Amino acid sequence: MGMLYEVITRHEWTADTEQDSQEQRVVAGAAARAKLLELCRLEADRKLREYEVAAGRLRV
């Protein structure tokens, strides 16, 4: 969860900085969304492995 918080706060800080151009804010927002999607995918993969191990379909 620490990485997720870091990504969100970094995006908010970048968006609030007046000297950043609109393009930089768009790029920062897209990068933050991509990172959040990747973190969600990794968490979903981890959970799926847990369930498969519990169901006996996958050995660790």
N, C-alpha and C. Protein backbone atom coordinates (compact mmCIF):
# COMPACT_ATOMS: atom_id res chain seq x y z
N MET A 1 0.82 -1.20 0.00
CA MET A 1 0.00 0.00 0.00
C MET A 1 0.86 1.26 0.00
N GLY A 2 2.09 1.14 0.50
CA GLY A 2 2.98 2.29 0.53
C GLY A 2 3.28 2.83 -0.86
N MET A 3 3.50 1.90 -1.82
CA MET A 3 3.78 2.33 -3.19
C MET A 3 2.57 3.03 -3.79
N LEU A 4 1.40 2.51 -3.51
CA LEU A 4 0.17 3.10 -4.03
C LEU A 4 0.02 4.53 -3.51
N TYR A 5 0.24 4.74 -2.21
CA TYR A 5 0.16 6.07 -1.61
C TYR A 5 1.19 7.00 -2.24
N GLU A 6 2.41 6.49 -2.45
CA GLU A 6 3.46 7.30 -3.04
C GLU A 6 3.09 7.76 -4.45
N VAL A 7 2.53 6.87 -5.24
CA VAL A 7 2.13 7.21 -6.61
C VAL A 7 1.05 8.28 -6.59
N ILE A 8 0.04 8.11 -5.74
CA ILE A 8 -1.07 9.06 -5.68
C ILE A 8 -0.57 10.43 -5.21
N THR A 9 0.22 10.47 -4.15
CA THR A 9 0.68 11.76 -3.63
C THR A 9 1.64 12.43 -4.60
N ARG A 10 2.47 11.67 -5.29
CA ARG A 10 3.38 12.27 -6.26
C ARG A 10 2.56 12.90 -7.39
N HIS A 11 1.51 12.21 -7.84
CA HIS A 11 0.66 12.75 -8.90
C HIS A 11 -0.03 14.03 -8.43
N GLU A 12 -0.57 14.03 -7.22
CA GLU A 12 -1.25 15.22 -6.71
C GLU A 12 -0.28 16.38 -6.58
N TRP A 13 0.93 16.13 -6.09
CA TRP A 13 1.92 17.19 -5.95
C TRP A 13 2.27 17.76 -7.31
N THR A 14 2.48 16.88 -8.29
CA THR A 14 2.84 17.35 -9.63
C THR A 14 1.71 18.19 -10.22
N ALA A 15 0.47 17.75 -10.03
CA ALA A 15 -0.66 18.48 -10.59
C ALA A 15 -0.84 19.84 -9.92
N ASP A 16 -0.42 19.97 -8.66
CA ASP A 16 -0.59 21.22 -7.93
C ASP A 16 0.54 22.22 -8.14
N THR A 17 1.63 21.81 -8.72
CA THR A 17 2.77 22.70 -8.92
C THR A 17 2.49 23.62 -10.10
N GLU A 18 2.44 24.92 -9.82
CA GLU A 18 2.05 25.89 -10.85
C GLU A 18 3.03 25.96 -12.01
N GLN A 19 4.31 25.71 -11.77
CA GLN A 19 5.29 25.85 -12.84
C GLN A 19 5.25 24.70 -13.84
N ASP A 20 4.57 23.63 -13.51
CA ASP A 20 4.44 22.51 -14.46
C ASP A 20 3.50 22.92 -15.59
N SER A 21 3.86 22.52 -16.77
CA SER A 21 2.99 22.81 -17.90
C SER A 21 1.84 21.81 -17.93
N GLN A 22 0.83 22.10 -18.69
CA GLN A 22 -0.32 21.21 -18.83
C GLN A 22 0.14 19.85 -19.34
N GLU A 23 1.07 19.85 -20.27
CA GLU A 23 1.57 18.59 -20.84
C GLU A 23 2.24 17.73 -19.76
N GLN A 24 3.03 18.34 -18.91
CA GLN A 24 3.69 17.60 -17.84
C GLN A 24 2.66 17.00 -16.89
N ARG A 25 1.60 17.75 -16.61
CA ARG A 25 0.55 17.22 -15.72
C ARG A 25 -0.16 16.04 -16.35
N VAL A 26 -0.42 16.13 -17.65
CA VAL A 26 -1.08 15.03 -18.36
C VAL A 26 -0.18 13.79 -18.34
N VAL A 27 1.10 13.98 -18.61
CA VAL A 27 2.05 12.86 -18.61
C VAL A 27 2.16 12.27 -17.21
N ALA A 28 2.24 13.12 -16.20
CA ALA A 28 2.33 12.63 -14.82
C ALA A 28 1.07 11.85 -14.43
N GLY A 29 -0.08 12.35 -14.84
CA GLY A 29 -1.34 11.65 -14.55
C GLY A 29 -1.41 10.30 -15.24
N ALA A 30 -0.98 10.26 -16.49
CA ALA A 30 -0.99 8.99 -17.24
C ALA A 30 -0.02 8.00 -16.61
N ALA A 31 1.13 8.48 -16.20
CA ALA A 31 2.11 7.60 -15.55
C ALA A 31 1.58 7.07 -14.23
N ALA A 32 0.92 7.92 -13.47
CA ALA A 32 0.34 7.48 -12.19
C ALA A 32 -0.75 6.44 -12.42
N ARG A 33 -1.60 6.66 -13.41
CA ARG A 33 -2.66 5.68 -13.71
C ARG A 33 -2.06 4.36 -14.17
N ALA A 34 -1.02 4.41 -14.99
CA ALA A 34 -0.37 3.18 -15.46
C ALA A 34 0.24 2.42 -14.30
N LYS A 35 0.87 3.13 -13.38
CA LYS A 35 1.47 2.48 -12.21
C LYS A 35 0.39 1.86 -11.33
N LEU A 36 -0.70 2.57 -11.13
CA LEU A 36 -1.80 2.03 -10.32
C LEU A 36 -2.39 0.77 -10.96
N LEU A 37 -2.56 0.78 -12.27
CA LEU A 37 -3.07 -0.41 -12.97
C LEU A 37 -2.11 -1.58 -12.82
N GLU A 38 -0.82 -1.32 -12.92
CA GLU A 38 0.18 -2.38 -12.76
C GLU A 38 0.15 -2.94 -11.34
N LEU A 39 0.04 -2.07 -10.35
CA LEU A 39 -0.04 -2.54 -8.96
C LEU A 39 -1.29 -3.37 -8.73
N CYS A 40 -2.41 -2.97 -9.32
CA CYS A 40 -3.65 -3.74 -9.20
C CYS A 40 -3.52 -5.10 -9.87
N ARG A 41 -2.87 -5.13 -11.03
CA ARG A 41 -2.67 -6.40 -11.74
C ARG A 41 -1.79 -7.34 -10.93
N LEU A 42 -0.72 -6.82 -10.35
CA LEU A 42 0.17 -7.64 -9.53
C LEU A 42 -0.55 -8.19 -8.31
N GLU A 43 -1.37 -7.36 -7.68
CA GLU A 43 -2.14 -7.81 -6.51
C GLU A 43 -3.15 -8.88 -6.92
N ALA A 44 -3.81 -8.71 -8.06
CA ALA A 44 -4.77 -9.71 -8.53
C ALA A 44 -4.06 -11.03 -8.83
N ASP A 45 -2.89 -10.97 -9.45
CA ASP A 45 -2.12 -12.19 -9.72
C ASP A 45 -1.73 -12.89 -8.43
N ARG A 46 -1.31 -12.12 -7.44
CA ARG A 46 -0.92 -12.69 -6.14
C ARG A 46 -2.11 -13.39 -5.49
N LYS A 47 -3.26 -12.75 -5.50
CA LYS A 47 -4.47 -13.34 -4.90
C LYS A 47 -4.88 -14.61 -5.63
N LEU A 48 -4.81 -14.59 -6.96
CA LEU A 48 -5.16 -15.77 -7.74
C LEU A 48 -4.25 -16.94 -7.38
N ARG A 49 -2.95 -16.68 -7.24
CA ARG A 49 -2.03 -17.75 -6.83
C ARG A 49 -2.40 -18.29 -5.46
N GLU A 50 -2.75 -17.41 -4.53
CA GLU A 50 -3.17 -17.84 -3.19
C GLU A 50 -4.36 -18.79 -3.27
N TYR A 51 -5.36 -18.41 -4.05
CA TYR A 51 -6.57 -19.24 -4.18
C TYR A 51 -6.25 -20.58 -4.85
N GLU A 52 -5.38 -20.56 -5.87
CA GLU A 52 -5.02 -21.80 -6.55
C GLU A 52 -4.25 -22.73 -5.62
N VAL A 53 -3.37 -22.18 -4.80
CA VAL A 53 -2.64 -22.99 -3.83
C VAL A 53 -3.62 -23.58 -2.82
N ALA A 54 -4.54 -22.75 -2.33
CA ALA A 54 -5.53 -23.22 -1.35
C ALA A 54 -6.42 -24.31 -1.94
N ALA A 55 -6.71 -24.22 -3.22
CA ALA A 55 -7.57 -25.20 -3.87
C ALA A 55 -6.78 -26.45 -4.29
N GLY A 56 -5.48 -26.43 -4.09
CA GLY A 56 -4.65 -27.57 -4.43
C GLY A 56 -4.32 -27.69 -5.90
N ARG A 57 -4.58 -26.65 -6.67
CA ARG A 57 -4.30 -26.68 -8.10
C ARG A 57 -2.88 -26.23 -8.44
N LEU A 58 -2.20 -25.65 -7.47
CA LEU A 58 -0.87 -25.12 -7.73
C LEU A 58 0.00 -25.44 -6.53
N ARG A 59 1.20 -25.91 -6.79
CA ARG A 59 2.13 -26.20 -5.70
C ARG A 59 3.15 -25.08 -5.62
N VAL A 60 3.52 -24.77 -4.41
CA VAL A 60 4.49 -23.69 -4.18
C VAL A 60 5.88 -24.28 -4.10
